[in-house]
Amino acid sequence: MIEPEAQALCGYRVMWLFVMFDLPTETKKQRKDAAIFRKDLMKDGFVMHQFSVYIRHCASLESANVHINRVKGMVPDEGFVSIVKITDVQYGQTINFTGKLRKPPPQEFVQLELF
């Protein structure tokens, strides 16, 4: 059994990464670069939260830093990308609102990670 203090610490150790980006899409090459960037994010385990916001669960700060470096290497020449790190506890306090005419997004499957 995990001690309550250890469980609380785990919630602060586990990280979520938010990748937010603004990529130009005026030319065919820019659209291709933007599509490749999105596909590469998904290959690295990110899921779309909103159109230009992707999120990923990381088991630790060390894991988060690995993925941050991967994203850094993916940024198109004309792109602007921001990454926000938050703890699992902070992510758990997220409040989402859906308009009356918009269907809420389907529930995502939670990926089981073994440490």
PDB file of N, CA and C in Angstrom:
ATOM      1  N   MET A   1       0.847  -1.184   0.000  1.00  0.00           N
ATOM      2  CA  MET A   1       0.000   0.000   0.000  1.00  0.00           C
ATOM      3  C   MET A   1       0.889   1.243   0.000  1.00  0.00           C
ATOM      4  N   ILE A   2       0.526   2.214  -0.819  1.00  0.00           N
ATOM      5  CA  ILE A   2       1.288   3.465  -0.911  1.00  0.00           C
ATOM      6  C   ILE A   2       0.816   4.411   0.187  1.00  0.00           C
ATOM      7  N   GLU A   3       1.775   4.975   0.898  1.00  0.00           N
ATOM      8  CA  GLU A   3       1.467   5.937   1.953  1.00  0.00           C
ATOM      9  C   GLU A   3       0.792   7.168   1.346  1.00  0.00           C
ATOM     10  N   PRO A   4      -0.134   7.822   2.075  1.00  0.00           N
ATOM     11  CA  PRO A   4      -0.804   9.021   1.549  1.00  0.00           C
ATOM     12  C   PRO A   4       0.168  10.117   1.133  1.00  0.00           C
ATOM     13  N   GLU A   5       1.258  10.284   1.905  1.00  0.00           N
ATOM     14  CA  GLU A   5       2.235  11.317   1.562  1.00  0.00           C
ATOM     15  C   GLU A   5       2.902  11.004   0.222  1.00  0.00           C
ATOM     16  N   ALA A   6       3.182   9.713  -0.006  1.00  0.00           N
ATOM     17  CA  ALA A   6       3.816   9.308  -1.264  1.00  0.00           C
ATOM     18  C   ALA A   6       2.869   9.521  -2.432  1.00  0.00           C
ATOM     19  N   GLN A   7       1.574   9.242  -2.229  1.00  0.00           N
ATOM     20  CA  GLN A   7       0.600   9.465  -3.300  1.00  0.00           C
ATOM     21  C   GLN A   7       0.528  10.942  -3.656  1.00  0.00           C
ATOM     22  N   ALA A   8       0.535  11.803  -2.641  1.00  0.00           N
ATOM     23  CA  ALA A   8       0.485  13.245  -2.898  1.00  0.00           C
ATOM     24  C   ALA A   8       1.715  13.685  -3.671  1.00  0.00           C
ATOM     25  N   LEU A   9       2.867  13.174  -3.309  1.00  0.00           N
ATOM     26  CA  LEU A   9       4.090  13.540  -4.017  1.00  0.00           C
ATOM     27  C   LEU A   9       4.047  13.055  -5.459  1.00  0.00           C
ATOM     28  N   CYS A  10       3.453  11.887  -5.693  1.00  0.00           N
ATOM     29  CA  CYS A  10       3.355  11.372  -7.058  1.00  0.00           C
ATOM     30  C   CYS A  10       2.566  12.339  -7.937  1.00  0.00           C
ATOM     31  N   GLY A  11       1.523  12.942  -7.401  1.00  0.00           N
ATOM     32  CA  GLY A  11       0.719  13.889  -8.154  1.00  0.00           C
ATOM     33  C   GLY A  11       1.484  15.140  -8.543  1.00  0.00           C
ATOM     34  N   TYR A  12       2.530  15.431  -7.787  1.00  0.00           N
ATOM     35  CA  TYR A  12       3.354  16.580  -8.116  1.00  0.00           C
ATOM     36  C   TYR A  12       4.564  16.187  -8.949  1.00  0.00           C
ATOM     37  N   ARG A  13       4.871  14.906  -8.991  1.00  0.00           N
ATOM     38  CA  ARG A  13       5.995  14.407  -9.792  1.00  0.00           C
ATOM     39  C   ARG A  13       5.567  14.167 -11.236  1.00  0.00           C
ATOM     40  N   VAL A  14       4.365  13.655 -11.406  1.00  0.00           N
ATOM     41  CA  VAL A  14       3.837  13.377 -12.740  1.00  0.00           C
ATOM     42  C   VAL A  14       3.535  14.701 -13.430  1.00  0.00           C
ATOM     43  N   MET A  15       3.934  14.804 -14.705  1.00  0.00           N
ATOM     44  CA  MET A  15       3.796  16.068 -15.433  1.00  0.00           C
ATOM     45  C   MET A  15       2.881  15.911 -16.647  1.00  0.00           C
ATOM     46  N   TRP A  16       2.307  17.003 -17.058  1.00  0.00           N
ATOM     47  CA  TRP A  16       1.588  17.106 -18.323  1.00  0.00           C
ATOM     48  C   TRP A  16       2.268  18.198 -19.127  1.00  0.00           C
ATOM     49  N   LEU A  17       2.472  17.943 -20.403  1.00  0.00           N
ATOM     50  CA  LEU A  17       3.034  18.946 -21.304  1.00  0.00           C
ATOM     51  C   LEU A  17       1.941  19.454 -22.230  1.00  0.00           C
ATOM     52  N   PHE A  18       1.844  20.745 -22.343  1.00  0.00           N
ATOM     53  CA  PHE A  18       0.952  21.390 -23.309  1.00  0.00           C
ATOM     54  C   PHE A  18       1.844  22.020 -24.365  1.00  0.00           C
ATOM     55  N   VAL A  19       1.683  21.611 -25.607  1.00  0.00           N
ATOM     56  CA  VAL A  19       2.415  22.209 -26.723  1.00  0.00           C
ATOM     57  C   VAL A  19       1.417  23.065 -27.491  1.00  0.00           C
ATOM     58  N   MET A  20       1.688  24.355 -27.541  1.00  0.00           N
ATOM     59  CA  MET A  20       0.825  25.304 -28.244  1.00  0.00           C
ATOM     60  C   MET A  20       1.636  25.921 -29.370  1.00  0.00           C
ATOM     61  N   PHE A  21       1.038  26.027 -30.536  1.00  0.00           N
ATOM     62  CA  PHE A  21       1.837  26.499 -31.656  1.00  0.00           C
ATOM     63  C   PHE A  21       1.029  27.323 -32.634  1.00  0.00           C
ATOM     64  N   ASP A  22       1.776  28.146 -33.345  1.00  0.00           N
ATOM     65  CA  ASP A  22       1.244  28.974 -34.427  1.00  0.00           C
ATOM     66  C   ASP A  22       2.172  28.736 -35.613  1.00  0.00           C
ATOM     67  N   LEU A  23       1.686  28.025 -36.586  1.00  0.00           N
ATOM     68  CA  LEU A  23       2.499  27.704 -37.758  1.00  0.00           C
ATOM     69  C   LEU A  23       1.860  28.326 -38.995  1.00  0.00           C
ATOM     70  N   PRO A  24       2.653  28.987 -39.820  1.00  0.00           N
ATOM     71  CA  PRO A  24       2.088  29.581 -41.040  1.00  0.00           C
ATOM     72  C   PRO A  24       1.628  28.489 -42.003  1.00  0.00           C
ATOM     73  N   THR A  25       0.541  28.780 -42.729  1.00  0.00           N
ATOM     74  CA  THR A  25       0.001  27.803 -43.685  1.00  0.00           C
ATOM     75  C   THR A  25      -0.387  28.471 -45.003  1.00  0.00           C
ATOM     76  N   GLU A  26       0.345  29.509 -45.370  1.00  0.00           N
ATOM     77  CA  GLU A  26       0.003  30.242 -46.588  1.00  0.00           C
ATOM     78  C   GLU A  26       0.491  29.538 -47.847  1.00  0.00           C
ATOM     79  N   THR A  27       1.637  28.896 -47.794  1.00  0.00           N
ATOM     80  CA  THR A  27       2.174  28.223 -48.979  1.00  0.00           C
ATOM     81  C   THR A  27       2.015  26.709 -48.826  1.00  0.00           C
ATOM     82  N   LYS A  28       2.187  26.004 -49.932  1.00  0.00           N
ATOM     83  CA  LYS A  28       2.087  24.547 -49.914  1.00  0.00           C
ATOM     84  C   LYS A  28       3.148  23.953 -48.984  1.00  0.00           C
ATOM     85  N   LYS A  29       4.365  24.491 -49.022  1.00  0.00           N
ATOM     86  CA  LYS A  29       5.440  23.995 -48.160  1.00  0.00           C
ATOM     87  C   LYS A  29       5.117  24.229 -46.686  1.00  0.00           C
ATOM     88  N   GLN A  30       4.567  25.401 -46.359  1.00  0.00           N
ATOM     89  CA  GLN A  30       4.212  25.693 -44.972  1.00  0.00           C
ATOM     90  C   GLN A  30       3.124  24.748 -44.472  1.00  0.00           C
ATOM     91  N   ARG A  31       2.119  24.461 -45.321  1.00  0.00           N
ATOM     92  CA  ARG A  31       1.063  23.523 -44.935  1.00  0.00           C
ATOM     93  C   ARG A  31       1.626  22.129 -44.716  1.00  0.00           C
ATOM     94  N   LYS A  32       2.555  21.732 -45.575  1.00  0.00           N
ATOM     95  CA  LYS A  32       3.187  20.420 -45.431  1.00  0.00           C
ATOM     96  C   LYS A  32       4.005  20.363 -44.140  1.00  0.00           C
ATOM     97  N   ASP A  33       4.774  21.400 -43.865  1.00  0.00           N
ATOM     98  CA  ASP A  33       5.568  21.454 -42.634  1.00  0.00           C
ATOM     99  C   ASP A  33       4.676  21.400 -41.390  1.00  0.00           C
ATOM    100  N   ALA A  34       3.545  22.108 -41.425  1.00  0.00           N
ATOM    101  CA  ALA A  34       2.610  22.102 -40.294  1.00  0.00           C
ATOM    102  C   ALA A  34       2.019  20.707 -40.099  1.00  0.00           C
ATOM    103  N   ALA A  35       1.663  20.048 -41.183  1.00  0.00           N
ATOM    104  CA  ALA A  35       1.102  18.692 -41.099  1.00  0.00           C
ATOM    105  C   ALA A  35       2.133  17.709 -40.543  1.00  0.00           C
ATOM    106  N   ILE A  36       3.364  17.838 -40.988  1.00  0.00           N
ATOM    107  CA  ILE A  36       4.430  16.963 -40.490  1.00  0.00           C
ATOM    108  C   ILE A  36       4.643  17.210 -38.992  1.00  0.00           C
ATOM    109  N   PHE A  37       4.628  18.466 -38.566  1.00  0.00           N
ATOM    110  CA  PHE A  37       4.807  18.792 -37.153  1.00  0.00           C
ATOM    111  C   PHE A  37       3.712  18.128 -36.310  1.00  0.00           C
ATOM    112  N   ARG A  38       2.461  18.247 -36.753  1.00  0.00           N
ATOM    113  CA  ARG A  38       1.352  17.623 -36.009  1.00  0.00           C
ATOM    114  C   ARG A  38       1.505  16.107 -35.956  1.00  0.00           C
ATOM    115  N   LYS A  39       1.850  15.507 -37.084  1.00  0.00           N
ATOM    116  CA  LYS A  39       2.022  14.046 -37.124  1.00  0.00           C
ATOM    117  C   LYS A  39       3.170  13.606 -36.222  1.00  0.00           C
ATOM    118  N   ASP A  40       4.249  14.375 -36.213  1.00  0.00           N
ATOM    119  CA  ASP A  40       5.387  14.040 -35.348  1.00  0.00           C
ATOM    120  C   ASP A  40       5.013  14.160 -33.870  1.00  0.00           C
ATOM    121  N   LEU A  41       4.192  15.159 -33.533  1.00  0.00           N
ATOM    122  CA  LEU A  41       3.719  15.273 -32.152  1.00  0.00           C
ATOM    123  C   LEU A  41       2.932  14.020 -31.760  1.00  0.00           C
ATOM    124  N   MET A  42       2.048  13.581 -32.638  1.00  0.00           N
ATOM    125  CA  MET A  42       1.235  12.404 -32.335  1.00  0.00           C
ATOM    126  C   MET A  42       2.088  11.134 -32.250  1.00  0.00           C
ATOM    127  N   LYS A  43       3.112  11.039 -33.092  1.00  0.00           N
ATOM    128  CA  LYS A  43       4.027   9.893 -33.000  1.00  0.00           C
ATOM    129  C   LYS A  43       4.744   9.864 -31.659  1.00  0.00           C
ATOM    130  N   ASP A  44       4.947  11.048 -31.061  1.00  0.00           N
ATOM    131  CA  ASP A  44       5.629  11.143 -29.778  1.00  0.00           C
ATOM    132  C   ASP A  44       4.650  11.042 -28.607  1.00  0.00           C
ATOM    133  N   GLY A  45       3.415  10.688 -28.868  1.00  0.00           N
ATOM    134  CA  GLY A  45       2.454  10.444 -27.793  1.00  0.00           C
ATOM    135  C   GLY A  45       1.565  11.607 -27.412  1.00  0.00           C
ATOM    136  N   PHE A  46       1.626  12.705 -28.137  1.00  0.00           N
ATOM    137  CA  PHE A  46       0.760  13.842 -27.859  1.00  0.00           C
ATOM    138  C   PHE A  46      -0.607  13.607 -28.492  1.00  0.00           C
ATOM    139  N   VAL A  47      -1.649  14.126 -27.867  1.00  0.00           N
ATOM    140  CA  VAL A  47      -2.996  14.076 -28.428  1.00  0.00           C
ATOM    141  C   VAL A  47      -3.526  15.497 -28.546  1.00  0.00           C
ATOM    142  N   MET A  48      -4.387  15.707 -29.541  1.00  0.00           N
ATOM    143  CA  MET A  48      -4.934  17.047 -29.762  1.00  0.00           C
ATOM    144  C   MET A  48      -5.923  17.392 -28.648  1.00  0.00           C
ATOM    145  N   HIS A  49      -5.697  18.514 -28.009  1.00  0.00           N
ATOM    146  CA  HIS A  49      -6.611  19.034 -26.994  1.00  0.00           C
ATOM    147  C   HIS A  49      -7.522  20.078 -27.637  1.00  0.00           C
ATOM    148  N   GLN A  50      -6.921  20.953 -28.404  1.00  0.00           N
ATOM    149  CA  GLN A  50      -7.608  21.900 -29.273  1.00  0.00           C
ATOM    150  C   GLN A  50      -6.794  21.964 -30.551  1.00  0.00           C
ATOM    151  N   PHE A  51      -7.245  22.714 -31.543  1.00  0.00           N
ATOM    152  CA  PHE A  51      -6.608  22.642 -32.856  1.00  0.00           C
ATOM    153  C   PHE A  51      -5.096  22.835 -32.819  1.00  0.00           C
ATOM    154  N   SER A  52      -4.606  23.836 -32.152  1.00  0.00           N
ATOM    155  CA  SER A  52      -3.160  24.074 -32.091  1.00  0.00           C
ATOM    156  C   SER A  52      -2.608  23.871 -30.685  1.00  0.00           C
ATOM    157  N   VAL A  53      -3.269  23.005 -29.926  1.00  0.00           N
ATOM    158  CA  VAL A  53      -2.832  22.665 -28.571  1.00  0.00           C
ATOM    159  C   VAL A  53      -2.845  21.145 -28.440  1.00  0.00           C
ATOM    160  N   TYR A  54      -1.680  20.588 -28.172  1.00  0.00           N
ATOM    161  CA  TYR A  54      -1.545  19.144 -27.983  1.00  0.00           C
ATOM    162  C   TYR A  54      -1.024  18.895 -26.571  1.00  0.00           C
ATOM    163  N   ILE A  55      -1.450  17.787 -25.964  1.00  0.00           N
ATOM    164  CA  ILE A  55      -1.022  17.490 -24.602  1.00  0.00           C
ATOM    165  C   ILE A  55      -0.450  16.080 -24.525  1.00  0.00           C
ATOM    166  N   ARG A  56       0.387  15.884 -23.498  1.00  0.00           N
ATOM    167  CA  ARG A  56       1.001  14.570 -23.285  1.00  0.00           C
ATOM    168  C   ARG A  56       1.283  14.380 -21.807  1.00  0.00           C
ATOM    169  N   HIS A  57       0.996  13.183 -21.337  1.00  0.00           N
ATOM    170  CA  HIS A  57       1.293  12.791 -19.958  1.00  0.00           C
ATOM    171  C   HIS A  57       2.732  12.304 -19.885  1.00  0.00           C
ATOM    172  N   CYS A  58       3.451  12.711 -18.864  1.00  0.00           N
ATOM    173  CA  CYS A  58       4.829  12.248 -18.632  1.00  0.00           C
ATOM    174  C   CYS A  58       4.936  11.778 -17.186  1.00  0.00           C
ATOM    175  N   ALA A  59       5.577  10.648 -16.985  1.00  0.00           N
ATOM    176  CA  ALA A  59       5.668  10.043 -15.660  1.00  0.00           C
ATOM    177  C   ALA A  59       6.575  10.815 -14.708  1.00  0.00           C
ATOM    178  N   SER A  60       7.441  11.666 -15.243  1.00  0.00           N
ATOM    179  CA  SER A  60       8.378  12.385 -14.385  1.00  0.00           C
ATOM    180  C   SER A  60       8.883  13.631 -15.111  1.00  0.00           C
ATOM    181  N   LEU A  61       9.571  14.465 -14.371  1.00  0.00           N
ATOM    182  CA  LEU A  61      10.185  15.651 -14.958  1.00  0.00           C
ATOM    183  C   LEU A  61      11.247  15.251 -15.976  1.00  0.00           C
ATOM    184  N   GLU A  62      11.976  14.192 -15.681  1.00  0.00           N
ATOM    185  CA  GLU A  62      13.007  13.711 -16.602  1.00  0.00           C
ATOM    186  C   GLU A  62      12.386  13.301 -17.939  1.00  0.00           C
ATOM    187  N   SER A  63      11.265  12.570 -17.876  1.00  0.00           N
ATOM    188  CA  SER A  63      10.562  12.170 -19.096  1.00  0.00           C
ATOM    189  C   SER A  63      10.054  13.394 -19.848  1.00  0.00           C
ATOM    190  N   ALA A  64       9.515  14.356 -19.115  1.00  0.00           N
ATOM    191  CA  ALA A  64       9.021  15.593 -19.741  1.00  0.00           C
ATOM    192  C   ALA A  64      10.138  16.303 -20.487  1.00  0.00           C
ATOM    193  N   ASN A  65      11.314  16.356 -19.884  1.00  0.00           N
ATOM    194  CA  ASN A  65      12.438  17.033 -20.532  1.00  0.00           C
ATOM    195  C   ASN A  65      12.860  16.329 -21.822  1.00  0.00           C
ATOM    196  N   VAL A  66      12.765  15.005 -21.854  1.00  0.00           N
ATOM    197  CA  VAL A  66      13.067  14.257 -23.089  1.00  0.00           C
ATOM    198  C   VAL A  66      12.110  14.689 -24.198  1.00  0.00           C
ATOM    199  N   HIS A  67      10.823  14.774 -23.878  1.00  0.00           N
ATOM    200  CA  HIS A  67       9.831  15.137 -24.894  1.00  0.00           C
ATOM    201  C   HIS A  67       9.940  16.607 -25.292  1.00  0.00           C
ATOM    202  N   ILE A  68      10.310  17.450 -24.349  1.00  0.00           N
ATOM    203  CA  ILE A  68      10.524  18.867 -24.676  1.00  0.00           C
ATOM    204  C   ILE A  68      11.649  18.996 -25.696  1.00  0.00           C
ATOM    205  N   ASN A  69      12.723  18.270 -25.495  1.00  0.00           N
ATOM    206  CA  ASN A  69      13.834  18.312 -26.451  1.00  0.00           C
ATOM    207  C   ASN A  69      13.433  17.765 -27.813  1.00  0.00           C
ATOM    208  N   ARG A  70      12.583  16.736 -27.831  1.00  0.00           N
ATOM    209  CA  ARG A  70      12.097  16.210 -29.118  1.00  0.00           C
ATOM    210  C   ARG A  70      11.284  17.260 -29.853  1.00  0.00           C
ATOM    211  N   VAL A  71      10.378  17.923 -29.128  1.00  0.00           N
ATOM    212  CA  VAL A  71       9.547  18.962 -29.754  1.00  0.00           C
ATOM    213  C   VAL A  71      10.434  20.080 -30.279  1.00  0.00           C
ATOM    214  N   LYS A  72      11.430  20.457 -29.511  1.00  0.00           N
ATOM    215  CA  LYS A  72      12.353  21.516 -29.935  1.00  0.00           C
ATOM    216  C   LYS A  72      12.972  21.175 -31.293  1.00  0.00           C
ATOM    217  N   GLY A  73      13.300  19.915 -31.498  1.00  0.00           N
ATOM    218  CA  GLY A  73      13.889  19.491 -32.764  1.00  0.00           C
ATOM    219  C   GLY A  73      12.896  19.397 -33.912  1.00  0.00           C
ATOM    220  N   MET A  74      11.602  19.411 -33.614  1.00  0.00           N
ATOM    221  CA  MET A  74      10.562  19.282 -34.646  1.00  0.00           C
ATOM    222  C   MET A  74      10.092  20.622 -35.204  1.00  0.00           C
ATOM    223  N   VAL A  75      10.368  21.709 -34.519  1.00  0.00           N
ATOM    224  CA  VAL A  75       9.783  23.007 -34.871  1.00  0.00           C
ATOM    225  C   VAL A  75      10.177  23.417 -36.292  1.00  0.00           C
ATOM    226  N   PRO A  76       9.164  23.674 -37.147  1.00  0.00           N
ATOM    227  CA  PRO A  76       9.472  24.152 -38.497  1.00  0.00           C
ATOM    228  C   PRO A  76      10.198  25.496 -38.451  1.00  0.00           C
ATOM    229  N   ASP A  77      10.952  25.788 -39.485  1.00  0.00           N
ATOM    230  CA  ASP A  77      11.753  27.019 -39.532  1.00  0.00           C
ATOM    231  C   ASP A  77      10.918  28.277 -39.276  1.00  0.00           C
ATOM    232  N   GLU A  78       9.680  28.292 -39.761  1.00  0.00           N
ATOM    233  CA  GLU A  78       8.851  29.487 -39.613  1.00  0.00           C
ATOM    234  C   GLU A  78       7.834  29.352 -38.483  1.00  0.00           C
ATOM    235  N   GLY A  79       7.999  28.372 -37.620  1.00  0.00           N
ATOM    236  CA  GLY A  79       7.012  28.116 -36.577  1.00  0.00           C
ATOM    237  C   GLY A  79       7.298  28.830 -35.272  1.00  0.00           C
ATOM    238  N   PHE A  80       6.257  28.956 -34.465  1.00  0.00           N
ATOM    239  CA  PHE A  80       6.358  29.472 -33.107  1.00  0.00           C
ATOM    240  C   PHE A  80       5.676  28.461 -32.203  1.00  0.00           C
ATOM    241  N   VAL A  81       6.425  27.908 -31.240  1.00  0.00           N
ATOM    242  CA  VAL A  81       5.912  26.851 -30.373  1.00  0.00           C
ATOM    243  C   VAL A  81       6.190  27.214 -28.919  1.00  0.00           C
ATOM    244  N   SER A  82       5.192  27.035 -28.074  1.00  0.00           N
ATOM    245  CA  SER A  82       5.345  27.222 -26.630  1.00  0.00           C
ATOM    246  C   SER A  82       4.991  25.914 -25.934  1.00  0.00           C
ATOM    247  N   ILE A  83       5.707  25.619 -24.846  1.00  0.00           N
ATOM    248  CA  ILE A  83       5.416  24.425 -24.068  1.00  0.00           C
ATOM    249  C   ILE A  83       5.179  24.854 -22.623  1.00  0.00           C
ATOM    250  N   VAL A  84       4.106  24.342 -22.056  1.00  0.00           N
ATOM    251  CA  VAL A  84       3.790  24.594 -20.660  1.00  0.00           C
ATOM    252  C   VAL A  84       3.824  23.253 -19.935  1.00  0.00           C
ATOM    253  N   LYS A  85       4.543  23.202 -18.804  1.00  0.00           N
ATOM    254  CA  LYS A  85       4.586  22.012 -17.956  1.00  0.00           C
ATOM    255  C   LYS A  85       3.699  22.263 -16.742  1.00  0.00           C
ATOM    256  N   ILE A  86       2.823  21.300 -16.443  1.00  0.00           N
ATOM    257  CA  ILE A  86       2.039  21.397 -15.219  1.00  0.00           C
ATOM    258  C   ILE A  86       2.039  20.035 -14.543  1.00  0.00           C
ATOM    259  N   THR A  87       1.795  20.040 -13.251  1.00  0.00           N
ATOM    260  CA  THR A  87       1.754  18.780 -12.520  1.00  0.00           C
ATOM    261  C   THR A  87       0.415  18.087 -12.741  1.00  0.00           C
ATOM    262  N   ASP A  88       0.370  16.813 -12.390  1.00  0.00           N
ATOM    263  CA  ASP A  88      -0.865  16.040 -12.511  1.00  0.00           C
ATOM    264  C   ASP A  88      -1.954  16.631 -11.614  1.00  0.00           C
ATOM    265  N   VAL A  89      -1.564  17.127 -10.456  1.00  0.00           N
ATOM    266  CA  VAL A  89      -2.527  17.742  -9.541  1.00  0.00           C
ATOM    267  C   VAL A  89      -3.143  18.986 -10.190  1.00  0.00           C
ATOM    268  N   GLN A  90      -2.316  19.813 -10.813  1.00  0.00           N
ATOM    269  CA  GLN A  90      -2.831  21.009 -11.486  1.00  0.00           C
ATOM    270  C   GLN A  90      -3.739  20.620 -12.651  1.00  0.00           C
ATOM    271  N   TYR A  91      -3.321  19.619 -13.429  1.00  0.00           N
ATOM    272  CA  TYR A  91      -4.133  19.175 -14.565  1.00  0.00           C
ATOM    273  C   TYR A  91      -5.490  18.649 -14.088  1.00  0.00           C
ATOM    274  N   GLY A  92      -5.489  17.990 -12.941  1.00  0.00           N
ATOM    275  CA  GLY A  92      -6.727  17.458 -12.381  1.00  0.00           C
ATOM    276  C   GLY A  92      -7.718  18.539 -12.006  1.00  0.00           C
ATOM    277  N   GLN A  93      -7.271  19.766 -11.893  1.00  0.00           N
ATOM    278  CA  GLN A  93      -8.150  20.880 -11.550  1.00  0.00           C
ATOM    279  C   GLN A  93      -8.644  21.632 -12.790  1.00  0.00           C
ATOM    280  N   THR A  94      -8.399  21.073 -13.963  1.00  0.00           N
ATOM    281  CA  THR A  94      -8.854  21.693 -15.207  1.00  0.00           C
ATOM    282  C   THR A  94     -10.380  21.749 -15.246  1.00  0.00           C
ATOM    283  N   ILE A  95     -10.898  22.866 -15.685  1.00  0.00           N
ATOM    284  CA  ILE A  95     -12.341  23.035 -15.848  1.00  0.00           C
ATOM    285  C   ILE A  95     -12.600  23.286 -17.324  1.00  0.00           C
ATOM    286  N   ASN A  96     -13.442  22.461 -17.934  1.00  0.00           N
ATOM    287  CA  ASN A  96     -13.773  22.598 -19.353  1.00  0.00           C
ATOM    288  C   ASN A  96     -15.234  23.002 -19.499  1.00  0.00           C
ATOM    289  N   PHE A  97     -15.510  23.874 -20.450  1.00  0.00           N
ATOM    290  CA  PHE A  97     -16.864  24.299 -20.748  1.00  0.00           C
ATOM    291  C   PHE A  97     -17.159  23.982 -22.210  1.00  0.00           C
ATOM    292  N   THR A  98     -18.350  23.514 -22.479  1.00  0.00           N
ATOM    293  CA  THR A  98     -18.766  23.207 -23.842  1.00  0.00           C
ATOM    294  C   THR A  98     -20.035  23.993 -24.145  1.00  0.00           C
ATOM    295  N   GLY A  99     -20.052  24.653 -25.312  1.00  0.00           N
ATOM    296  CA  GLY A  99     -21.239  25.404 -25.709  1.00  0.00           C
ATOM    297  C   GLY A  99     -22.439  24.492 -25.889  1.00  0.00           C
ATOM    298  N   LYS A 100     -23.632  25.062 -25.867  1.00  0.00           N
ATOM    299  CA  LYS A 100     -24.859  24.281 -25.944  1.00  0.00           C
ATOM    300  C   LYS A 100     -24.995  23.517 -27.260  1.00  0.00           C
ATOM    301  N   LEU A 101     -24.482  24.072 -28.345  1.00  0.00           N
ATOM    302  CA  LEU A 101     -24.633  23.418 -29.637  1.00  0.00           C
ATOM    303  C   LEU A 101     -23.463  22.514 -29.995  1.00  0.00           C
ATOM    304  N   ARG A 102     -22.445  22.537 -29.190  1.00  0.00           N
ATOM    305  CA  ARG A 102     -21.248  21.743 -29.480  1.00  0.00           C
ATOM    306  C   ARG A 102     -21.262  20.471 -28.648  1.00  0.00           C
ATOM    307  N   LYS A 103     -20.966  19.367 -29.299  1.00  0.00           N
ATOM    308  CA  LYS A 103     -20.895  18.096 -28.588  1.00  0.00           C
ATOM    309  C   LYS A 103     -19.576  18.033 -27.830  1.00  0.00           C
ATOM    310  N   PRO A 104     -19.607  17.546 -26.600  1.00  0.00           N
ATOM    311  CA  PRO A 104     -18.335  17.408 -25.876  1.00  0.00           C
ATOM    312  C   PRO A 104     -17.442  16.383 -26.566  1.00  0.00           C
ATOM    313  N   PRO A 105     -16.120  16.570 -26.467  1.00  0.00           N
ATOM    314  CA  PRO A 105     -15.214  15.624 -27.124  1.00  0.00           C
ATOM    315  C   PRO A 105     -15.337  14.241 -26.498  1.00  0.00           C
ATOM    316  N   PRO A 106     -15.087  13.196 -27.282  1.00  0.00           N
ATOM    317  CA  PRO A 106     -15.159  11.840 -26.721  1.00  0.00           C
ATOM    318  C   PRO A 106     -14.089  11.653 -25.653  1.00  0.00           C
ATOM    319  N   GLN A 107     -14.384  10.796 -24.699  1.00  0.00           N
ATOM    320  CA  GLN A 107     -13.419  10.513 -23.639  1.00  0.00           C
ATOM    321  C   GLN A 107     -12.190   9.854 -24.232  1.00  0.00           C
ATOM    322  N   GLU A 108     -11.021  10.342 -23.840  1.00  0.00           N
ATOM    323  CA  GLU A 108      -9.765   9.742 -24.263  1.00  0.00           C
ATOM    324  C   GLU A 108      -9.462   8.553 -23.375  1.00  0.00           C
ATOM    325  N   PHE A 109      -8.861   7.540 -23.934  1.00  0.00           N
ATOM    326  CA  PHE A 109      -8.412   6.421 -23.127  1.00  0.00           C
ATOM    327  C   PHE A 109      -7.172   6.865 -22.365  1.00  0.00           C
ATOM    328  N   VAL A 110      -7.093   6.486 -21.139  1.00  0.00           N
ATOM    329  CA  VAL A 110      -5.923   6.817 -20.334  1.00  0.00           C
ATOM    330  C   VAL A 110      -4.863   5.768 -20.591  1.00  0.00           C
ATOM    331  N   GLN A 111      -3.685   6.233 -20.926  1.00  0.00           N
ATOM    332  CA  GLN A 111      -2.577   5.333 -21.211  1.00  0.00           C
ATOM    333  C   GLN A 111      -1.936   4.890 -19.907  1.00  0.00           C
ATOM    334  N   LEU A 112      -1.805   3.602 -19.743  1.00  0.00           N
ATOM    335  CA  LEU A 112      -1.170   3.074 -18.550  1.00  0.00           C
ATOM    336  C   LEU A 112       0.337   3.097 -18.762  1.00  0.00           C
ATOM    337  N   GLU A 113       1.037   3.701 -17.803  1.00  0.00           N
ATOM    338  CA  GLU A 113       2.490   3.737 -17.874  1.00  0.00           C
ATOM    339  C   GLU A 113       3.027   2.997 -16.671  1.00  0.00           C
ATOM    340  N   LEU A 114       3.940   2.098 -16.913  1.00  0.00           N
ATOM    341  CA  LEU A 114       4.606   1.388 -15.838  1.00  0.00           C
ATOM    342  C   LEU A 114       5.956   2.014 -15.597  1.00  0.00           C
ATOM    343  N   PHE A 115       6.284   2.287 -14.386  1.00  0.00           N
ATOM    344  CA  PHE A 115       7.512   3.000 -14.058  1.00  0.00           C
ATOM    345  C   PHE A 115       8.634   2.021 -13.845  1.00  0.00           C
TER     346      PHE A 115
END
